[in-house]
N, C-alpha and C. Protein backbone atom coordinates (compact mmCIF):
# COMPACT_ATOMS: atom_id res chain seq x y z
N MET A 1 31.62 3.02 143.72
CA MET A 1 33.03 3.11 144.01
C MET A 1 33.79 3.01 142.70
N THR A 2 34.72 3.91 142.50
CA THR A 2 35.54 3.88 141.29
C THR A 2 36.94 3.44 141.64
N PHE A 3 37.68 3.06 140.62
CA PHE A 3 39.04 2.58 140.83
C PHE A 3 39.92 3.64 141.48
N LEU A 4 39.71 4.90 141.13
CA LEU A 4 40.58 5.96 141.65
C LEU A 4 39.94 6.72 142.81
N ASP A 5 38.97 6.13 143.45
CA ASP A 5 38.32 6.74 144.60
C ASP A 5 39.35 6.89 145.72
N LYS A 6 39.47 8.11 146.27
CA LYS A 6 40.48 8.37 147.29
C LYS A 6 40.15 7.74 148.64
N GLU A 7 38.89 7.35 148.84
CA GLU A 7 38.51 6.77 150.11
C GLU A 7 38.77 5.26 150.16
N TYR A 8 39.06 4.64 149.01
CA TYR A 8 39.25 3.19 148.96
C TYR A 8 40.55 2.84 148.26
N ARG A 9 41.10 1.70 148.63
CA ARG A 9 42.29 1.14 147.97
C ARG A 9 41.97 -0.29 147.56
N GLU A 10 42.54 -0.72 146.46
CA GLU A 10 42.44 -2.11 146.03
C GLU A 10 43.69 -2.84 146.47
N ILE A 11 43.51 -3.96 147.13
CA ILE A 11 44.64 -4.79 147.51
C ILE A 11 44.46 -6.12 146.79
N ILE A 12 45.48 -6.52 146.07
CA ILE A 12 45.46 -7.82 145.38
C ILE A 12 46.20 -8.80 146.27
N THR A 13 45.53 -9.91 146.60
CA THR A 13 46.09 -10.86 147.54
C THR A 13 45.65 -12.27 147.19
N LYS A 14 46.34 -13.25 147.74
CA LYS A 14 45.91 -14.63 147.60
C LYS A 14 44.97 -14.94 148.76
N ALA A 15 43.89 -15.63 148.43
CA ALA A 15 42.89 -15.96 149.44
C ALA A 15 42.21 -17.26 149.08
N VAL A 16 41.54 -17.86 150.06
CA VAL A 16 40.74 -19.06 149.79
C VAL A 16 39.55 -18.62 148.96
N CYS A 17 39.43 -19.17 147.76
CA CYS A 17 38.32 -18.80 146.88
C CYS A 17 37.41 -19.99 146.58
N GLY A 18 37.66 -21.12 147.23
CA GLY A 18 36.79 -22.28 147.07
C GLY A 18 37.05 -23.29 148.16
N LYS A 19 35.97 -23.91 148.66
CA LYS A 19 36.09 -24.94 149.70
C LYS A 19 35.12 -26.07 149.40
N GLY A 20 35.53 -27.27 149.76
CA GLY A 20 34.64 -28.42 149.58
C GLY A 20 35.01 -29.53 150.54
N ARG A 21 34.07 -30.48 150.68
CA ARG A 21 34.27 -31.61 151.59
C ARG A 21 33.49 -32.79 151.03
N LYS A 22 34.09 -33.99 151.14
CA LYS A 22 33.39 -35.18 150.64
C LYS A 22 33.77 -36.40 151.46
N PHE A 23 32.73 -37.15 151.85
CA PHE A 23 32.88 -38.42 152.53
C PHE A 23 32.50 -39.51 151.53
N THR A 24 33.32 -40.55 151.42
CA THR A 24 33.09 -41.61 150.44
C THR A 24 33.18 -42.97 151.10
N GLN A 25 32.29 -43.86 150.69
CA GLN A 25 32.36 -45.26 151.07
C GLN A 25 32.44 -46.08 149.78
N ASP A 26 33.40 -46.99 149.72
CA ASP A 26 33.60 -47.84 148.55
C ASP A 26 33.56 -49.30 148.97
N SER A 27 33.21 -50.13 148.02
CA SER A 27 33.19 -51.58 148.23
C SER A 27 34.16 -52.20 147.23
N HIS A 28 35.08 -53.03 147.71
CA HIS A 28 36.07 -53.68 146.85
C HIS A 28 35.96 -55.20 146.99
N SER A 29 36.03 -55.86 145.87
CA SER A 29 35.97 -57.32 145.85
C SER A 29 37.39 -57.85 145.62
N ILE A 30 37.83 -58.73 146.51
CA ILE A 30 39.19 -59.28 146.45
C ILE A 30 39.09 -60.78 146.22
N SER A 31 39.91 -61.27 145.31
CA SER A 31 39.93 -62.71 145.01
C SER A 31 41.18 -63.34 145.59
N PRO A 32 41.08 -64.03 146.72
CA PRO A 32 42.26 -64.68 147.31
C PRO A 32 42.62 -65.95 146.52
N SER A 33 43.82 -66.43 146.74
CA SER A 33 44.29 -67.62 146.01
C SER A 33 43.66 -68.91 146.54
N HIS A 34 43.11 -68.88 147.76
CA HIS A 34 42.43 -70.05 148.35
C HIS A 34 41.02 -69.66 148.77
N ARG A 35 40.15 -70.65 148.86
CA ARG A 35 38.78 -70.39 149.32
C ARG A 35 38.83 -70.07 150.83
N PRO A 36 38.44 -68.84 151.24
CA PRO A 36 38.57 -68.45 152.65
C PRO A 36 37.57 -69.17 153.55
N SER A 37 38.03 -69.52 154.75
CA SER A 37 37.16 -70.10 155.78
C SER A 37 36.65 -68.99 156.72
N SER A 38 37.55 -68.07 157.11
CA SER A 38 37.16 -66.95 157.97
C SER A 38 38.12 -65.79 157.78
N ILE A 39 37.67 -64.60 158.13
CA ILE A 39 38.48 -63.38 158.06
C ILE A 39 39.12 -63.17 159.42
N LEU A 40 40.44 -63.00 159.44
CA LEU A 40 41.16 -62.81 160.70
C LEU A 40 41.54 -61.34 160.93
N GLY A 41 41.59 -60.57 159.86
CA GLY A 41 41.92 -59.15 160.00
C GLY A 41 41.95 -58.45 158.66
N CYS A 42 41.77 -57.14 158.69
CA CYS A 42 41.82 -56.34 157.47
C CYS A 42 42.34 -54.95 157.82
N TRP A 43 43.28 -54.44 157.04
CA TRP A 43 43.81 -53.12 157.28
C TRP A 43 44.19 -52.47 155.96
N VAL A 44 44.23 -51.13 155.97
CA VAL A 44 44.53 -50.33 154.78
C VAL A 44 45.80 -49.56 155.06
N ILE A 45 46.78 -49.65 154.12
CA ILE A 45 48.06 -48.96 154.28
C ILE A 45 48.47 -48.30 152.97
N ASN A 46 49.54 -47.52 153.04
CA ASN A 46 50.19 -46.90 151.87
C ASN A 46 49.25 -46.00 151.07
N HIS A 47 48.53 -45.13 151.78
CA HIS A 47 47.62 -44.21 151.10
C HIS A 47 48.40 -43.05 150.47
N LEU A 48 48.23 -42.88 149.17
CA LEU A 48 48.85 -41.77 148.42
C LEU A 48 47.76 -41.06 147.63
N TYR A 49 47.86 -39.73 147.49
CA TYR A 49 46.86 -39.00 146.71
C TYR A 49 47.43 -37.67 146.23
N ASN A 50 46.80 -37.11 145.19
CA ASN A 50 47.09 -35.75 144.75
C ASN A 50 45.79 -35.11 144.30
N ALA A 51 45.75 -33.80 144.37
CA ALA A 51 44.53 -33.06 144.06
C ALA A 51 44.82 -32.02 142.99
N LYS A 52 43.82 -31.80 142.12
CA LYS A 52 43.92 -30.75 141.11
C LYS A 52 42.53 -30.19 140.86
N ARG A 53 42.50 -28.98 140.37
CA ARG A 53 41.22 -28.36 140.05
C ARG A 53 40.73 -28.94 138.74
N LYS A 54 39.54 -29.49 138.74
CA LYS A 54 38.97 -30.12 137.56
C LYS A 54 38.16 -29.13 136.75
N SER A 55 37.35 -28.32 137.43
CA SER A 55 36.53 -27.29 136.77
C SER A 55 36.37 -26.14 137.75
N GLU A 56 35.55 -25.18 137.38
CA GLU A 56 35.31 -24.05 138.28
C GLU A 56 34.59 -24.50 139.55
N ASP A 57 33.88 -25.62 139.45
CA ASP A 57 33.04 -26.06 140.55
C ASP A 57 33.55 -27.29 141.29
N THR A 58 34.65 -27.91 140.82
CA THR A 58 35.07 -29.18 141.42
C THR A 58 36.59 -29.29 141.53
N VAL A 59 37.01 -30.14 142.47
CA VAL A 59 38.40 -30.55 142.63
C VAL A 59 38.42 -32.06 142.50
N GLU A 60 39.42 -32.58 141.80
CA GLU A 60 39.54 -34.02 141.60
C GLU A 60 40.72 -34.54 142.41
N ILE A 61 40.47 -35.61 143.18
CA ILE A 61 41.53 -36.26 143.95
C ILE A 61 41.73 -37.65 143.36
N ASN A 62 42.95 -37.93 142.95
CA ASN A 62 43.33 -39.25 142.47
C ASN A 62 44.23 -39.87 143.52
N GLY A 63 43.91 -41.10 143.93
CA GLY A 63 44.69 -41.72 144.98
C GLY A 63 44.73 -43.23 144.86
N SER A 64 45.47 -43.81 145.78
CA SER A 64 45.59 -45.27 145.84
C SER A 64 45.93 -45.69 147.26
N TYR A 65 45.64 -46.95 147.57
CA TYR A 65 46.00 -47.54 148.85
C TYR A 65 46.03 -49.06 148.69
N ASP A 66 46.67 -49.73 149.65
CA ASP A 66 46.73 -51.18 149.67
C ASP A 66 45.75 -51.71 150.71
N ILE A 67 44.96 -52.70 150.30
CA ILE A 67 44.09 -53.42 151.24
C ILE A 67 44.75 -54.76 151.53
N ASN A 68 44.97 -55.04 152.81
CA ASN A 68 45.53 -56.31 153.25
C ASN A 68 44.48 -57.07 154.03
N VAL A 69 44.21 -58.30 153.61
CA VAL A 69 43.23 -59.14 154.31
C VAL A 69 43.94 -60.41 154.77
N TRP A 70 43.88 -60.64 156.06
CA TRP A 70 44.42 -61.87 156.64
C TRP A 70 43.24 -62.82 156.81
N TYR A 71 43.35 -63.97 156.21
CA TYR A 71 42.24 -64.92 156.26
C TYR A 71 42.76 -66.35 156.49
N SER A 72 41.86 -67.21 156.94
CA SER A 72 42.20 -68.62 157.09
C SER A 72 41.52 -69.39 155.97
N TYR A 73 42.09 -70.55 155.67
CA TYR A 73 41.51 -71.41 154.63
C TYR A 73 41.78 -72.87 155.02
N ASN A 74 41.29 -73.79 154.20
CA ASN A 74 41.46 -75.22 154.45
C ASN A 74 40.89 -75.59 155.83
N ASP A 75 39.61 -75.20 156.04
CA ASP A 75 38.90 -75.43 157.31
C ASP A 75 39.64 -74.86 158.52
N ASN A 76 40.12 -73.64 158.37
CA ASN A 76 40.79 -72.88 159.44
C ASN A 76 42.09 -73.55 159.91
N THR A 77 42.77 -74.25 159.01
CA THR A 77 44.03 -74.88 159.40
C THR A 77 45.24 -74.11 158.90
N LYS A 78 45.05 -73.21 157.93
CA LYS A 78 46.16 -72.42 157.38
C LYS A 78 45.71 -70.97 157.23
N THR A 79 46.69 -70.05 157.20
CA THR A 79 46.37 -68.63 157.01
C THR A 79 47.23 -68.05 155.90
N GLU A 80 46.75 -66.91 155.40
CA GLU A 80 47.46 -66.20 154.34
C GLU A 80 46.99 -64.74 154.35
N VAL A 81 47.85 -63.86 153.86
CA VAL A 81 47.48 -62.45 153.69
C VAL A 81 47.43 -62.18 152.19
N VAL A 82 46.31 -61.63 151.74
CA VAL A 82 46.18 -61.22 150.35
C VAL A 82 46.20 -59.69 150.34
N THR A 83 46.97 -59.13 149.40
CA THR A 83 47.10 -57.68 149.27
C THR A 83 46.62 -57.26 147.89
N GLU A 84 45.82 -56.18 147.88
CA GLU A 84 45.36 -55.65 146.60
C GLU A 84 45.51 -54.14 146.60
N ARG A 85 46.12 -53.63 145.52
CA ARG A 85 46.30 -52.19 145.33
C ARG A 85 45.03 -51.64 144.69
N VAL A 86 44.45 -50.61 145.30
CA VAL A 86 43.21 -50.01 144.82
C VAL A 86 43.48 -48.56 144.43
N THR A 87 42.98 -48.15 143.27
CA THR A 87 43.05 -46.75 142.87
C THR A 87 41.64 -46.17 142.89
N TYR A 88 41.56 -44.86 143.11
CA TYR A 88 40.25 -44.21 143.17
C TYR A 88 40.35 -42.79 142.65
N THR A 89 39.21 -42.24 142.28
CA THR A 89 39.08 -40.84 141.89
C THR A 89 37.86 -40.29 142.61
N ASP A 90 38.08 -39.24 143.41
CA ASP A 90 36.98 -38.55 144.08
C ASP A 90 36.85 -37.17 143.46
N VAL A 91 35.67 -36.82 143.00
CA VAL A 91 35.39 -35.47 142.51
C VAL A 91 34.63 -34.75 143.61
N ILE A 92 35.25 -33.68 144.13
CA ILE A 92 34.69 -32.96 145.27
C ILE A 92 34.09 -31.64 144.79
N PRO A 93 32.78 -31.46 144.98
CA PRO A 93 32.17 -30.19 144.58
C PRO A 93 32.57 -29.08 145.56
N LEU A 94 32.77 -27.89 145.00
CA LEU A 94 33.10 -26.74 145.84
C LEU A 94 31.81 -26.11 146.33
N ALA A 95 31.59 -26.18 147.63
CA ALA A 95 30.38 -25.62 148.23
C ALA A 95 30.49 -24.11 148.38
N VAL A 96 31.69 -23.62 148.62
CA VAL A 96 31.93 -22.19 148.77
C VAL A 96 32.81 -21.76 147.62
N LYS A 97 32.36 -20.74 146.85
CA LYS A 97 33.14 -20.26 145.71
C LYS A 97 33.15 -18.74 145.68
N ASP A 98 34.30 -18.18 145.35
CA ASP A 98 34.45 -16.74 145.16
C ASP A 98 34.53 -16.51 143.66
N GLU A 99 33.58 -15.79 143.12
CA GLU A 99 33.52 -15.55 141.68
C GLU A 99 34.40 -14.37 141.25
N ASN A 100 35.06 -13.70 142.22
CA ASN A 100 35.81 -12.48 141.90
C ASN A 100 37.31 -12.69 141.81
N THR A 101 37.75 -13.89 141.47
CA THR A 101 39.19 -14.10 141.33
C THR A 101 39.66 -13.40 140.06
N ILE A 102 40.94 -13.02 140.04
CA ILE A 102 41.45 -12.24 138.92
C ILE A 102 42.49 -13.00 138.10
N SER A 103 42.71 -14.27 138.41
CA SER A 103 43.70 -15.05 137.69
C SER A 103 43.15 -16.45 137.46
N ASP A 104 43.68 -17.12 136.45
CA ASP A 104 43.28 -18.49 136.18
C ASP A 104 44.22 -19.50 136.83
N GLU A 105 45.19 -19.03 137.60
CA GLU A 105 46.12 -19.92 138.28
C GLU A 105 45.68 -20.10 139.72
N TYR A 106 45.61 -21.37 140.13
CA TYR A 106 45.13 -21.70 141.47
C TYR A 106 46.06 -22.70 142.12
N ASP A 107 46.11 -22.65 143.44
CA ASP A 107 46.75 -23.69 144.24
C ASP A 107 45.64 -24.48 144.89
N VAL A 108 45.77 -25.80 144.87
CA VAL A 108 44.75 -26.66 145.46
C VAL A 108 45.38 -27.42 146.62
N PHE A 109 44.73 -27.36 147.77
CA PHE A 109 45.18 -28.07 148.96
C PHE A 109 44.10 -29.07 149.37
N ALA A 110 44.51 -30.30 149.57
CA ALA A 110 43.60 -31.35 150.03
C ALA A 110 44.12 -31.90 151.34
N LYS A 111 43.21 -32.10 152.27
CA LYS A 111 43.58 -32.66 153.58
C LYS A 111 42.67 -33.84 153.85
N VAL A 112 43.28 -34.93 154.32
CA VAL A 112 42.51 -36.11 154.67
C VAL A 112 41.90 -35.90 156.05
N VAL A 113 40.59 -35.94 156.13
CA VAL A 113 39.90 -35.87 157.42
C VAL A 113 39.80 -37.28 157.99
N GLN A 114 39.49 -38.25 157.13
CA GLN A 114 39.41 -39.65 157.53
C GLN A 114 40.25 -40.47 156.56
N GLN A 115 41.37 -41.01 157.05
CA GLN A 115 42.19 -41.88 156.22
C GLN A 115 41.36 -43.09 155.80
N PRO A 116 41.65 -43.66 154.62
CA PRO A 116 40.91 -44.86 154.22
C PRO A 116 41.07 -45.95 155.28
N ASN A 117 39.96 -46.50 155.73
CA ASN A 117 40.01 -47.59 156.69
C ASN A 117 38.87 -48.55 156.44
N CYS A 118 39.00 -49.74 156.98
CA CYS A 118 38.05 -50.82 156.75
C CYS A 118 36.86 -50.69 157.69
N LEU A 119 35.66 -50.63 157.11
CA LEU A 119 34.43 -50.64 157.91
C LEU A 119 33.96 -52.07 158.15
N GLU A 120 34.05 -52.90 157.07
CA GLU A 120 33.59 -54.28 157.17
C GLU A 120 34.36 -55.12 156.16
N CYS A 121 34.65 -56.34 156.53
CA CYS A 121 35.33 -57.30 155.66
C CYS A 121 34.64 -58.64 155.82
N LYS A 122 34.08 -59.16 154.72
CA LYS A 122 33.32 -60.41 154.84
C LYS A 122 33.51 -61.28 153.60
N ILE A 123 33.24 -62.55 153.77
CA ILE A 123 33.31 -63.51 152.68
C ILE A 123 31.96 -63.48 151.95
N THR A 124 32.00 -63.48 150.61
CA THR A 124 30.75 -63.43 149.83
C THR A 124 29.96 -64.72 150.02
N ASN A 125 28.70 -64.69 149.61
CA ASN A 125 27.80 -65.84 149.78
C ASN A 125 28.30 -67.09 149.07
N ASN A 126 28.92 -66.89 147.89
CA ASN A 126 29.41 -68.09 147.17
C ASN A 126 30.72 -68.60 147.77
N GLY A 127 31.34 -67.80 148.65
CA GLY A 127 32.51 -68.26 149.39
C GLY A 127 33.84 -68.16 148.70
N HIS A 128 33.90 -67.58 147.49
CA HIS A 128 35.16 -67.51 146.76
C HIS A 128 35.85 -66.15 146.84
N LYS A 129 35.11 -65.11 147.20
CA LYS A 129 35.68 -63.76 147.22
C LYS A 129 35.49 -63.12 148.59
N ILE A 130 36.24 -62.04 148.78
CA ILE A 130 36.15 -61.25 150.01
C ILE A 130 35.72 -59.85 149.61
N VAL A 131 34.71 -59.31 150.28
CA VAL A 131 34.24 -57.95 150.02
C VAL A 131 34.67 -57.06 151.19
N VAL A 132 35.33 -55.94 150.84
CA VAL A 132 35.83 -55.00 151.84
C VAL A 132 35.15 -53.65 151.64
N GLU A 133 34.54 -53.13 152.72
CA GLU A 133 33.92 -51.80 152.72
C GLU A 133 34.93 -50.81 153.30
N ILE A 134 35.22 -49.76 152.53
CA ILE A 134 36.23 -48.76 152.91
C ILE A 134 35.56 -47.38 152.99
N GLU A 135 36.01 -46.57 153.97
CA GLU A 135 35.55 -45.18 154.07
C GLU A 135 36.76 -44.24 154.02
N ARG A 136 36.53 -43.02 153.51
CA ARG A 136 37.55 -41.97 153.49
C ARG A 136 36.85 -40.62 153.37
N GLU A 137 37.54 -39.56 153.82
CA GLU A 137 36.95 -38.22 153.74
C GLU A 137 38.04 -37.19 153.51
N PHE A 138 37.75 -36.21 152.65
CA PHE A 138 38.68 -35.13 152.32
C PHE A 138 38.00 -33.77 152.49
N VAL A 139 38.82 -32.77 152.80
CA VAL A 139 38.42 -31.37 152.65
C VAL A 139 39.43 -30.75 151.68
N VAL A 140 38.95 -29.84 150.84
CA VAL A 140 39.82 -29.18 149.87
C VAL A 140 39.64 -27.67 149.95
N GLN A 141 40.72 -26.97 149.62
CA GLN A 141 40.69 -25.51 149.51
C GLN A 141 41.36 -25.12 148.21
N VAL A 142 40.76 -24.16 147.52
CA VAL A 142 41.33 -23.61 146.30
C VAL A 142 41.78 -22.19 146.64
N ILE A 143 43.07 -21.91 146.40
CA ILE A 143 43.65 -20.60 146.70
C ILE A 143 43.88 -19.88 145.38
N GLY A 144 43.40 -18.63 145.28
CA GLY A 144 43.58 -17.85 144.06
C GLY A 144 43.77 -16.39 144.38
N GLU A 145 44.13 -15.61 143.35
CA GLU A 145 44.29 -14.18 143.54
C GLU A 145 42.94 -13.50 143.43
N THR A 146 42.71 -12.55 144.34
CA THR A 146 41.46 -11.81 144.35
C THR A 146 41.74 -10.37 144.78
N LYS A 147 40.76 -9.50 144.60
CA LYS A 147 40.89 -8.10 145.02
C LYS A 147 40.10 -7.89 146.29
N VAL A 148 40.70 -7.11 147.18
CA VAL A 148 40.03 -6.71 148.41
C VAL A 148 40.02 -5.19 148.41
N TYR A 149 38.87 -4.60 148.69
CA TYR A 149 38.76 -3.15 148.76
C TYR A 149 38.78 -2.75 150.22
N VAL A 150 39.64 -1.76 150.53
CA VAL A 150 39.82 -1.30 151.89
C VAL A 150 39.53 0.19 151.95
N LYS A 151 38.69 0.58 152.91
CA LYS A 151 38.39 2.00 153.07
C LYS A 151 39.55 2.66 153.80
N VAL A 152 39.98 3.81 153.31
CA VAL A 152 41.08 4.55 153.91
C VAL A 152 40.49 5.66 154.76
N GLU A 153 40.82 5.66 156.04
CA GLU A 153 40.34 6.68 156.97
C GLU A 153 41.38 7.80 157.06
N LYS A 154 40.91 9.03 157.24
CA LYS A 154 41.82 10.16 157.42
C LYS A 154 42.54 9.97 158.74
N SER A 155 43.83 10.25 158.73
CA SER A 155 44.65 10.09 159.92
C SER A 155 44.30 11.14 160.96
N ASN A 156 44.32 10.76 162.22
CA ASN A 156 44.07 11.69 163.32
C ASN A 156 45.36 12.35 163.80
N PHE A 157 46.47 12.04 163.17
CA PHE A 157 47.76 12.58 163.59
C PHE A 157 48.16 13.72 162.67
N ASP A 158 48.72 14.78 163.28
CA ASP A 158 49.31 15.86 162.48
C ASP A 158 50.73 15.47 162.13
N ASP A 159 51.25 16.07 161.07
CA ASP A 159 52.62 15.77 160.67
C ASP A 159 53.62 16.14 161.75
N ASP A 160 53.33 17.18 162.54
CA ASP A 160 54.25 17.62 163.59
C ASP A 160 54.25 16.67 164.77
N ASP A 161 53.20 15.85 164.91
CA ASP A 161 53.11 14.93 166.05
C ASP A 161 54.22 13.90 166.05
N ASP A 162 54.77 13.61 164.89
CA ASP A 162 55.82 12.60 164.82
C ASP A 162 57.07 13.01 165.59
N ASP A 163 57.33 14.31 165.71
CA ASP A 163 58.54 14.79 166.37
C ASP A 163 58.33 15.08 167.85
N GLU A 164 57.08 15.04 168.32
CA GLU A 164 56.79 15.34 169.71
C GLU A 164 57.48 14.36 170.64
N GLY A 165 58.09 14.87 171.68
CA GLY A 165 58.74 14.00 172.64
C GLY A 165 60.13 13.57 172.21
N TRP A 166 60.59 14.06 171.08
CA TRP A 166 61.89 13.65 170.58
C TRP A 166 62.75 14.89 170.34
N ASP A 167 62.76 15.78 171.32
CA ASP A 167 63.57 17.00 171.21
C ASP A 167 65.01 16.64 171.54
N TYR A 168 65.89 16.79 170.55
CA TYR A 168 67.28 16.38 170.72
C TYR A 168 68.20 17.55 171.10
N LYS A 169 67.64 18.71 171.40
CA LYS A 169 68.47 19.85 171.78
C LYS A 169 68.97 19.66 173.21
N VAL A 170 70.22 20.04 173.45
CA VAL A 170 70.81 19.92 174.78
C VAL A 170 70.46 21.18 175.56
N THR A 171 69.96 20.97 176.78
CA THR A 171 69.57 22.11 177.62
C THR A 171 70.80 22.67 178.34
N ASP A 172 70.66 23.88 178.85
CA ASP A 172 71.74 24.50 179.61
C ASP A 172 72.07 23.68 180.85
N GLU A 173 71.09 23.13 181.47
CA GLU A 173 71.28 22.31 182.65
C GLU A 173 72.15 21.08 182.33
N GLU A 174 71.89 20.45 181.17
CA GLU A 174 72.67 19.29 180.77
C GLU A 174 74.12 19.70 180.44
N LEU A 175 74.30 20.88 179.87
CA LEU A 175 75.65 21.35 179.54
C LEU A 175 76.48 21.63 180.79
N GLU A 176 75.84 22.13 181.85
CA GLU A 176 76.56 22.43 183.08
C GLU A 176 77.10 21.16 183.73
N SER A 177 76.39 20.03 183.53
CA SER A 177 76.83 18.80 184.17
C SER A 177 77.93 18.08 183.39
N VAL A 178 78.27 18.57 182.20
CA VAL A 178 79.33 17.94 181.41
C VAL A 178 80.68 18.39 181.96
N LYS A 179 81.58 17.43 182.25
CA LYS A 179 82.91 17.74 182.75
C LYS A 179 83.86 17.70 181.56
N PRO A 180 84.46 18.81 181.21
CA PRO A 180 85.28 18.86 180.02
C PRO A 180 86.54 17.98 180.08
N ASP A 181 87.00 17.62 181.24
CA ASP A 181 88.20 16.80 181.31
C ASP A 181 87.87 15.36 181.71
N PHE A 182 86.73 14.91 181.27
CA PHE A 182 86.30 13.55 181.64
C PHE A 182 87.20 12.46 181.03
N LEU A 183 87.96 12.79 179.99
CA LEU A 183 88.85 11.83 179.39
C LEU A 183 90.20 11.77 180.10
N GLY A 184 90.43 12.72 180.91
CA GLY A 184 91.70 12.75 181.60
C GLY A 184 92.67 13.65 180.85
N LYS A 185 93.74 14.08 181.55
CA LYS A 185 94.72 14.97 180.94
C LYS A 185 95.85 14.17 180.38
N LYS A 186 96.39 14.62 179.25
CA LYS A 186 97.56 14.01 178.63
C LYS A 186 98.77 14.78 179.04
N ASP A 187 99.77 14.10 179.43
CA ASP A 187 101.01 14.77 179.85
C ASP A 187 101.94 14.98 178.70
């Protein structure tokens, strides 16, 4: 196929030229201000992230979230919530790649499949720290310009077919039914 082949046309368009997905589990150690007696609750809030293309084969997601742990201390007589801001970097490999892009400019879209959430929250063996297991999952798409080749088929329509059924000539029958004084007479 050549560029000037009459049977084909090149269409330049934006298309998905890369896809990836990654599931991550992280472990975070939190140091509360008091020695914890028991864990009463754990939740993750304020998740923020942005994505950029790192290389031809990867997308990098930089993000952060707050881990809140509600715990008791002083032999379960008092409670407190400790909050820790966590930052992370996930490098997501592109499993699907289009090598035929024609530009070095890309748009990267990241979607959270699984928001960061707590899998497990426990007090360490020495009893001074809290360990939180977190999971999260992303899918990413890289959008770039690419060429699509389309085969052009010969039209089955004749040029005269466009006017068929659209005869605008007035017939004698139609002229006979026109009343010349339909507007009324002026005195």
